[in-house]
Amino acid sequence: MNAVAKSKAKERQVEIAASRILRRWGIESVRPVRGIGKEAVAARLGPIGVELWERATEKTTRLLKLVPVRESFRGRVGIRK
């Protein structure tokens, strides 16, 4: 496993741990995180908590990865007898 893959795996583990903590708090969606407060979320969840709070309060912008659209489409139509 290379360094990038290890980093992504570790990041995913942190996200899963944060998700489990939120479920224990009775939080099933991001919206209730708004009411907790940024400092409280950061104290309990660390950087992932801050990122989650910023997403919940729409304080951050996430860029979309644009995918080029194919210019043409060829379909095959067949009729079975």
PDB file of N, CA and C in Angstrom:
ATOM      1  N   MET A   1       0.856  -1.171   0.000  1.00  0.00           N
ATOM      2  CA  MET A   1       0.000   0.000   0.000  1.00  0.00           C
ATOM      3  C   MET A   1       0.910   1.245   0.000  1.00  0.00           C
ATOM      4  N   ASN A   2       0.686   2.141  -0.944  1.00  0.00           N
ATOM      5  CA  ASN A   2       1.520   3.342  -1.016  1.00  0.00           C
ATOM      6  C   ASN A   2       1.063   4.392  -0.002  1.00  0.00           C
ATOM      7  N   ALA A   3       1.811   5.476   0.093  1.00  0.00           N
ATOM      8  CA  ALA A   3       1.550   6.511   1.098  1.00  0.00           C
ATOM      9  C   ALA A   3       0.182   7.166   0.914  1.00  0.00           C
ATOM     10  N   VAL A   4      -0.216   7.402  -0.323  1.00  0.00           N
ATOM     11  CA  VAL A   4      -1.518   8.042  -0.584  1.00  0.00           C
ATOM     12  C   VAL A   4      -2.645   7.118  -0.147  1.00  0.00           C
ATOM     13  N   ALA A   5      -2.538   5.851  -0.482  1.00  0.00           N
ATOM     14  CA  ALA A   5      -3.566   4.886  -0.098  1.00  0.00           C
ATOM     15  C   ALA A   5      -3.650   4.748   1.418  1.00  0.00           C
ATOM     16  N   LYS A   6      -2.501   4.752   2.092  1.00  0.00           N
ATOM     17  CA  LYS A   6      -2.495   4.671   3.555  1.00  0.00           C
ATOM     18  C   LYS A   6      -3.152   5.893   4.172  1.00  0.00           C
ATOM     19  N   SER A   7      -2.862   7.060   3.607  1.00  0.00           N
ATOM     20  CA  SER A   7      -3.449   8.299   4.105  1.00  0.00           C
ATOM     21  C   SER A   7      -4.961   8.290   3.947  1.00  0.00           C
ATOM     22  N   LYS A   8      -5.426   7.849   2.784  1.00  0.00           N
ATOM     23  CA  LYS A   8      -6.873   7.795   2.539  1.00  0.00           C
ATOM     24  C   LYS A   8      -7.541   6.774   3.454  1.00  0.00           C
ATOM     25  N   ALA A   9      -6.877   5.643   3.698  1.00  0.00           N
ATOM     26  CA  ALA A   9      -7.432   4.623   4.587  1.00  0.00           C
ATOM     27  C   ALA A   9      -7.542   5.163   6.007  1.00  0.00           C
ATOM     28  N   LYS A  10      -6.520   5.884   6.457  1.00  0.00           N
ATOM     29  CA  LYS A  10      -6.545   6.472   7.805  1.00  0.00           C
ATOM     30  C   LYS A  10      -7.644   7.533   7.904  1.00  0.00           C
ATOM     31  N   GLU A  11      -7.773   8.355   6.865  1.00  0.00           N
ATOM     32  CA  GLU A  11      -8.811   9.386   6.840  1.00  0.00           C
ATOM     33  C   GLU A  11     -10.191   8.747   6.927  1.00  0.00           C
ATOM     34  N   ARG A  12     -10.374   7.660   6.221  1.00  0.00           N
ATOM     35  CA  ARG A  12     -11.661   6.950   6.242  1.00  0.00           C
ATOM     36  C   ARG A  12     -11.949   6.389   7.634  1.00  0.00           C
ATOM     37  N   GLN A  13     -10.928   5.876   8.310  1.00  0.00           N
ATOM     38  CA  GLN A  13     -11.104   5.360   9.667  1.00  0.00           C
ATOM     39  C   GLN A  13     -11.538   6.471  10.625  1.00  0.00           C
ATOM     40  N   VAL A  14     -10.966   7.659  10.457  1.00  0.00           N
ATOM     41  CA  VAL A  14     -11.339   8.799  11.289  1.00  0.00           C
ATOM     42  C   VAL A  14     -12.796   9.174  11.034  1.00  0.00           C
ATOM     43  N   GLU A  15     -13.209   9.172   9.763  1.00  0.00           N
ATOM     44  CA  GLU A  15     -14.595   9.491   9.422  1.00  0.00           C
ATOM     45  C   GLU A  15     -15.558   8.483  10.035  1.00  0.00           C
ATOM     46  N   ILE A  16     -15.203   7.217   9.986  1.00  0.00           N
ATOM     47  CA  ILE A  16     -16.053   6.175  10.560  1.00  0.00           C
ATOM     48  C   ILE A  16     -16.157   6.342  12.069  1.00  0.00           C
ATOM     49  N   ALA A  17     -15.038   6.637  12.717  1.00  0.00           N
ATOM     50  CA  ALA A  17     -15.051   6.855  14.167  1.00  0.00           C
ATOM     51  C   ALA A  17     -15.928   8.049  14.533  1.00  0.00           C
ATOM     52  N   ALA A  18     -15.825   9.134  13.781  1.00  0.00           N
ATOM     53  CA  ALA A  18     -16.645  10.322  14.035  1.00  0.00           C
ATOM     54  C   ALA A  18     -18.120   9.999  13.839  1.00  0.00           C
ATOM     55  N   SER A  19     -18.423   9.223  12.823  1.00  0.00           N
ATOM     56  CA  SER A  19     -19.806   8.824  12.558  1.00  0.00           C
ATOM     57  C   SER A  19     -20.374   8.010  13.717  1.00  0.00           C
ATOM     58  N   ARG A  20     -19.573   7.120  14.264  1.00  0.00           N
ATOM     59  CA  ARG A  20     -20.022   6.313  15.411  1.00  0.00           C
ATOM     60  C   ARG A  20     -20.295   7.184  16.630  1.00  0.00           C
ATOM     61  N   ILE A  21     -19.415   8.156  16.859  1.00  0.00           N
ATOM     62  CA  ILE A  21     -19.610   9.070  17.990  1.00  0.00           C
ATOM     63  C   ILE A  21     -20.904   9.859  17.817  1.00  0.00           C
ATOM     64  N   LEU A  22     -21.137  10.363  16.629  1.00  0.00           N
ATOM     65  CA  LEU A  22     -22.361  11.133  16.365  1.00  0.00           C
ATOM     66  C   LEU A  22     -23.600  10.274  16.587  1.00  0.00           C
ATOM     67  N   ARG A  23     -23.559   9.024  16.166  1.00  0.00           N
ATOM     68  CA  ARG A  23     -24.704   8.129  16.385  1.00  0.00           C
ATOM     69  C   ARG A  23     -24.944   7.904  17.878  1.00  0.00           C
ATOM     70  N   ARG A  24     -23.862   7.780  18.662  1.00  0.00           N
ATOM     71  CA  ARG A  24     -24.013   7.620  20.113  1.00  0.00           C
ATOM     72  C   ARG A  24     -24.652   8.856  20.737  1.00  0.00           C
ATOM     73  N   TRP A  25     -24.396  10.016  20.152  1.00  0.00           N
ATOM     74  CA  TRP A  25     -25.008  11.251  20.623  1.00  0.00           C
ATOM     75  C   TRP A  25     -26.455  11.374  20.161  1.00  0.00           C
ATOM     76  N   GLY A  26     -26.903  10.446  19.325  1.00  0.00           N
ATOM     77  CA  GLY A  26     -28.263  10.496  18.797  1.00  0.00           C
ATOM     78  C   GLY A  26     -28.395  11.331  17.543  1.00  0.00           C
ATOM     79  N   ILE A  27     -27.278  11.643  16.909  1.00  0.00           N
ATOM     80  CA  ILE A  27     -27.289  12.469  15.692  1.00  0.00           C
ATOM     81  C   ILE A  27     -27.199  11.552  14.482  1.00  0.00           C
ATOM     82  N   GLU A  28     -28.244  11.568  13.682  1.00  0.00           N
ATOM     83  CA  GLU A  28     -28.307  10.707  12.500  1.00  0.00           C
ATOM     84  C   GLU A  28     -28.032  11.450  11.197  1.00  0.00           C
ATOM     85  N   SER A  29     -28.096  12.787  11.225  1.00  0.00           N
ATOM     86  CA  SER A  29     -27.820  13.580  10.026  1.00  0.00           C
ATOM     87  C   SER A  29     -26.942  14.768  10.409  1.00  0.00           C
ATOM     88  N   VAL A  30     -26.490  15.497   9.436  1.00  0.00           N
ATOM     89  CA  VAL A  30     -25.569  16.609   9.669  1.00  0.00           C
ATOM     90  C   VAL A  30     -26.279  17.826  10.265  1.00  0.00           C
ATOM     91  N   ARG A  31     -27.527  17.997   9.959  1.00  0.00           N
ATOM     92  CA  ARG A  31     -28.249  19.208  10.372  1.00  0.00           C
ATOM     93  C   ARG A  31     -28.170  19.494  11.881  1.00  0.00           C
ATOM     94  N   PRO A  32     -28.360  18.526  12.777  1.00  0.00           N
ATOM     95  CA  PRO A  32     -28.288  18.838  14.215  1.00  0.00           C
ATOM     96  C   PRO A  32     -26.909  19.310  14.686  1.00  0.00           C
ATOM     97  N   VAL A  33     -25.876  19.063  13.905  1.00  0.00           N
ATOM     98  CA  VAL A  33     -24.526  19.490  14.273  1.00  0.00           C
ATOM     99  C   VAL A  33     -24.455  21.011  14.365  1.00  0.00           C
ATOM    100  N   ARG A  34     -25.298  21.696  13.604  1.00  0.00           N
ATOM    101  CA  ARG A  34     -25.317  23.162  13.627  1.00  0.00           C
ATOM    102  C   ARG A  34     -25.529  23.706  15.034  1.00  0.00           C
ATOM    103  N   GLY A  35     -26.399  23.077  15.776  1.00  0.00           N
ATOM    104  CA  GLY A  35     -26.766  23.569  17.098  1.00  0.00           C
ATOM    105  C   GLY A  35     -25.735  23.295  18.178  1.00  0.00           C
ATOM    106  N   ILE A  36     -24.785  22.428  17.913  1.00  0.00           N
ATOM    107  CA  ILE A  36     -23.793  22.069  18.926  1.00  0.00           C
ATOM    108  C   ILE A  36     -22.768  23.173  19.117  1.00  0.00           C
ATOM    109  N   GLY A  37     -22.360  23.803  18.054  1.00  0.00           N
ATOM    110  CA  GLY A  37     -21.330  24.845  18.139  1.00  0.00           C
ATOM    111  C   GLY A  37     -20.001  24.322  17.654  1.00  0.00           C
ATOM    112  N   LYS A  38     -19.304  25.169  16.939  1.00  0.00           N
ATOM    113  CA  LYS A  38     -18.049  24.776  16.304  1.00  0.00           C
ATOM    114  C   LYS A  38     -17.010  24.336  17.325  1.00  0.00           C
ATOM    115  N   GLU A  39     -16.850  25.093  18.400  1.00  0.00           N
ATOM    116  CA  GLU A  39     -15.825  24.760  19.393  1.00  0.00           C
ATOM    117  C   GLU A  39     -16.117  23.430  20.074  1.00  0.00           C
ATOM    118  N   ALA A  40     -17.385  23.176  20.394  1.00  0.00           N
ATOM    119  CA  ALA A  40     -17.755  21.927  21.065  1.00  0.00           C
ATOM    120  C   ALA A  40     -17.513  20.726  20.157  1.00  0.00           C
ATOM    121  N   VAL A  41     -17.872  20.878  18.892  1.00  0.00           N
ATOM    122  CA  VAL A  41     -17.651  19.784  17.934  1.00  0.00           C
ATOM    123  C   VAL A  41     -16.154  19.560  17.744  1.00  0.00           C
ATOM    124  N   ALA A  42     -15.402  20.643  17.630  1.00  0.00           N
ATOM    125  CA  ALA A  42     -13.949  20.527  17.452  1.00  0.00           C
ATOM    126  C   ALA A  42     -13.295  19.864  18.660  1.00  0.00           C
ATOM    127  N   ALA A  43     -13.757  20.200  19.859  1.00  0.00           N
ATOM    128  CA  ALA A  43     -13.175  19.623  21.072  1.00  0.00           C
ATOM    129  C   ALA A  43     -13.410  18.120  21.140  1.00  0.00           C
ATOM    130  N   ARG A  44     -14.530  17.670  20.629  1.00  0.00           N
ATOM    131  CA  ARG A  44     -14.877  16.256  20.733  1.00  0.00           C
ATOM    132  C   ARG A  44     -14.417  15.423  19.546  1.00  0.00           C
ATOM    133  N   LEU A  45     -14.417  16.025  18.353  1.00  0.00           N
ATOM    134  CA  LEU A  45     -14.110  15.247  17.144  1.00  0.00           C
ATOM    135  C   LEU A  45     -12.840  15.684  16.434  1.00  0.00           C
ATOM    136  N   GLY A  46     -12.261  16.807  16.812  1.00  0.00           N
ATOM    137  CA  GLY A  46     -11.040  17.266  16.170  1.00  0.00           C
ATOM    138  C   GLY A  46     -11.310  17.884  14.802  1.00  0.00           C
ATOM    139  N   PRO A  47     -10.321  17.837  13.915  1.00  0.00           N
ATOM    140  CA  PRO A  47     -10.445  18.476  12.592  1.00  0.00           C
ATOM    141  C   PRO A  47     -11.630  17.960  11.768  1.00  0.00           C
ATOM    142  N   ILE A  48     -11.932  16.682  11.866  1.00  0.00           N
ATOM    143  CA  ILE A  48     -13.078  16.150  11.109  1.00  0.00           C
ATOM    144  C   ILE A  48     -14.375  16.777  11.612  1.00  0.00           C
ATOM    145  N   GLY A  49     -14.438  17.077  12.906  1.00  0.00           N
ATOM    146  CA  GLY A  49     -15.607  17.733  13.472  1.00  0.00           C
ATOM    147  C   GLY A  49     -15.775  19.155  12.959  1.00  0.00           C
ATOM    148  N   VAL A  50     -14.657  19.865  12.847  1.00  0.00           N
ATOM    149  CA  VAL A  50     -14.695  21.229  12.310  1.00  0.00           C
ATOM    150  C   VAL A  50     -15.187  21.204  10.869  1.00  0.00           C
ATOM    151  N   GLU A  51     -14.646  20.276  10.077  1.00  0.00           N
ATOM    152  CA  GLU A  51     -15.073  20.161   8.679  1.00  0.00           C
ATOM    153  C   GLU A  51     -16.561  19.835   8.590  1.00  0.00           C
ATOM    154  N   LEU A  52     -17.023  18.936   9.427  1.00  0.00           N
ATOM    155  CA  LEU A  52     -18.437  18.563   9.447  1.00  0.00           C
ATOM    156  C   LEU A  52     -19.308  19.757   9.836  1.00  0.00           C
ATOM    157  N   TRP A  53     -18.890  20.503  10.865  1.00  0.00           N
ATOM    158  CA  TRP A  53     -19.643  21.670  11.302  1.00  0.00           C
ATOM    159  C   TRP A  53     -19.720  22.711  10.196  1.00  0.00           C
ATOM    160  N   GLU A  54     -18.594  22.941   9.514  1.00  0.00           N
ATOM    161  CA  GLU A  54     -18.575  23.929   8.435  1.00  0.00           C
ATOM    162  C   GLU A  54     -19.477  23.509   7.285  1.00  0.00           C
ATOM    163  N   ARG A  55     -19.518  22.219   6.980  1.00  0.00           N
ATOM    164  CA  ARG A  55     -20.431  21.746   5.930  1.00  0.00           C
ATOM    165  C   ARG A  55     -21.886  21.908   6.364  1.00  0.00           C
ATOM    166  N   ALA A  56     -22.159  21.591   7.620  1.00  0.00           N
ATOM    167  CA  ALA A  56     -23.532  21.673   8.126  1.00  0.00           C
ATOM    168  C   ALA A  56     -24.038  23.110   8.148  1.00  0.00           C
ATOM    169  N   THR A  57     -23.146  24.060   8.412  1.00  0.00           N
ATOM    170  CA  THR A  57     -23.549  25.466   8.489  1.00  0.00           C
ATOM    171  C   THR A  57     -23.299  26.209   7.184  1.00  0.00           C
ATOM    172  N   GLU A  58     -22.909  25.470   6.164  1.00  0.00           N
ATOM    173  CA  GLU A  58     -22.666  26.026   4.832  1.00  0.00           C
ATOM    174  C   GLU A  58     -21.595  27.110   4.859  1.00  0.00           C
ATOM    175  N   LYS A  59     -20.578  26.921   5.704  1.00  0.00           N
ATOM    176  CA  LYS A  59     -19.467  27.869   5.790  1.00  0.00           C
ATOM    177  C   LYS A  59     -18.322  27.489   4.853  1.00  0.00           C
ATOM    178  N   THR A  60     -18.464  26.402   4.162  1.00  0.00           N
ATOM    179  CA  THR A  60     -17.402  25.933   3.286  1.00  0.00           C
ATOM    180  C   THR A  60     -17.964  25.660   1.892  1.00  0.00           C
ATOM    181  N   THR A  61     -17.106  25.697   0.927  1.00  0.00           N
ATOM    182  CA  THR A  61     -17.484  25.409  -0.450  1.00  0.00           C
ATOM    183  C   THR A  61     -16.713  24.193  -0.915  1.00  0.00           C
ATOM    184  N   ARG A  62     -17.432  23.231  -1.427  1.00  0.00           N
ATOM    185  CA  ARG A  62     -16.783  22.040  -1.952  1.00  0.00           C
ATOM    186  C   ARG A  62     -16.869  22.092  -3.468  1.00  0.00           C
ATOM    187  N   LEU A  63     -15.738  22.002  -4.109  1.00  0.00           N
ATOM    188  CA  LEU A  63     -15.696  22.058  -5.560  1.00  0.00           C
ATOM    189  C   LEU A  63     -16.124  20.724  -6.153  1.00  0.00           C
ATOM    190  N   LEU A  64     -16.778  20.799  -7.280  1.00  0.00           N
ATOM    191  CA  LEU A  64     -17.182  19.598  -7.991  1.00  0.00           C
ATOM    192  C   LEU A  64     -16.115  19.220  -9.002  1.00  0.00           C
ATOM    193  N   LYS A  65     -15.939  17.950  -9.177  1.00  0.00           N
ATOM    194  CA  LYS A  65     -15.037  17.475 -10.214  1.00  0.00           C
ATOM    195  C   LYS A  65     -15.886  17.277 -11.465  1.00  0.00           C
ATOM    196  N   LEU A  66     -15.631  18.112 -12.456  1.00  0.00           N
ATOM    197  CA  LEU A  66     -16.412  18.033 -13.679  1.00  0.00           C
ATOM    198  C   LEU A  66     -15.893  16.902 -14.557  1.00  0.00           C
ATOM    199  N   VAL A  67     -16.832  16.180 -15.106  1.00  0.00           N
ATOM    200  CA  VAL A  67     -16.496  15.056 -15.973  1.00  0.00           C
ATOM    201  C   VAL A  67     -16.924  15.428 -17.377  1.00  0.00           C
ATOM    202  N   PRO A  68     -16.032  15.278 -18.361  1.00  0.00           N
ATOM    203  CA  PRO A  68     -16.417  15.624 -19.734  1.00  0.00           C
ATOM    204  C   PRO A  68     -17.522  14.705 -20.241  1.00  0.00           C
ATOM    205  N   VAL A  69     -18.434  15.301 -20.975  1.00  0.00           N
ATOM    206  CA  VAL A  69     -19.544  14.554 -21.549  1.00  0.00           C
ATOM    207  C   VAL A  69     -19.133  14.068 -22.926  1.00  0.00           C
ATOM    208  N   ARG A  70     -19.445  12.826 -23.200  1.00  0.00           N
ATOM    209  CA  ARG A  70     -19.125  12.294 -24.528  1.00  0.00           C
ATOM    210  C   ARG A  70     -19.958  13.004 -25.577  1.00  0.00           C
ATOM    211  N   GLU A  71     -19.334  13.296 -26.690  1.00  0.00           N
ATOM    212  CA  GLU A  71     -20.004  14.042 -27.748  1.00  0.00           C
ATOM    213  C   GLU A  71     -21.099  13.237 -28.453  1.00  0.00           C
ATOM    214  N   SER A  72     -20.875  11.979 -28.589  1.00  0.00           N
ATOM    215  CA  SER A  72     -21.874  11.184 -29.308  1.00  0.00           C
ATOM    216  C   SER A  72     -22.146   9.895 -28.557  1.00  0.00           C
ATOM    217  N   PHE A  73     -23.235   9.309 -28.897  1.00  0.00           N
ATOM    218  CA  PHE A  73     -23.616   8.044 -28.289  1.00  0.00           C
ATOM    219  C   PHE A  73     -24.081   7.113 -29.394  1.00  0.00           C
ATOM    220  N   ARG A  74     -23.516   5.950 -29.408  1.00  0.00           N
ATOM    221  CA  ARG A  74     -23.958   4.942 -30.374  1.00  0.00           C
ATOM    222  C   ARG A  74     -24.631   3.829 -29.609  1.00  0.00           C
ATOM    223  N   GLY A  75     -25.832   3.615 -29.931  1.00  0.00           N
ATOM    224  CA  GLY A  75     -26.564   2.533 -29.310  1.00  0.00           C
ATOM    225  C   GLY A  75     -26.840   1.433 -30.319  1.00  0.00           C
ATOM    226  N   ARG A  76     -27.019   0.277 -29.822  1.00  0.00           N
ATOM    227  CA  ARG A  76     -27.347  -0.847 -30.708  1.00  0.00           C
ATOM    228  C   ARG A  76     -28.759  -1.298 -30.363  1.00  0.00           C
ATOM    229  N   VAL A  77     -29.575  -1.334 -31.366  1.00  0.00           N
ATOM    230  CA  VAL A  77     -30.928  -1.799 -31.187  1.00  0.00           C
ATOM    231  C   VAL A  77     -31.052  -3.110 -31.933  1.00  0.00           C
ATOM    232  N   GLY A  78     -31.461  -4.108 -31.226  1.00  0.00           N
ATOM    233  CA  GLY A  78     -31.644  -5.411 -31.836  1.00  0.00           C
ATOM    234  C   GLY A  78     -33.041  -5.922 -31.585  1.00  0.00           C
ATOM    235  N   ILE A  79     -33.574  -6.588 -32.578  1.00  0.00           N
ATOM    236  CA  ILE A  79     -34.909  -7.156 -32.426  1.00  0.00           C
ATOM    237  C   ILE A  79     -34.752  -8.670 -32.442  1.00  0.00           C
ATOM    238  N   ARG A  80     -35.243  -9.265 -31.378  1.00  0.00           N
ATOM    239  CA  ARG A  80     -35.175 -10.729 -31.311  1.00  0.00           C
ATOM    240  C   ARG A  80     -36.427 -11.326 -31.913  1.00  0.00           C
ATOM    241  N   LYS A  81     -36.220 -12.440 -32.579  1.00  0.00           N
ATOM    242  CA  LYS A  81     -37.363 -13.130 -33.194  1.00  0.00           C
ATOM    243  C   LYS A  81     -37.757 -14.306 -32.358  1.00  0.00           C
TER     244      LYS A  81
END
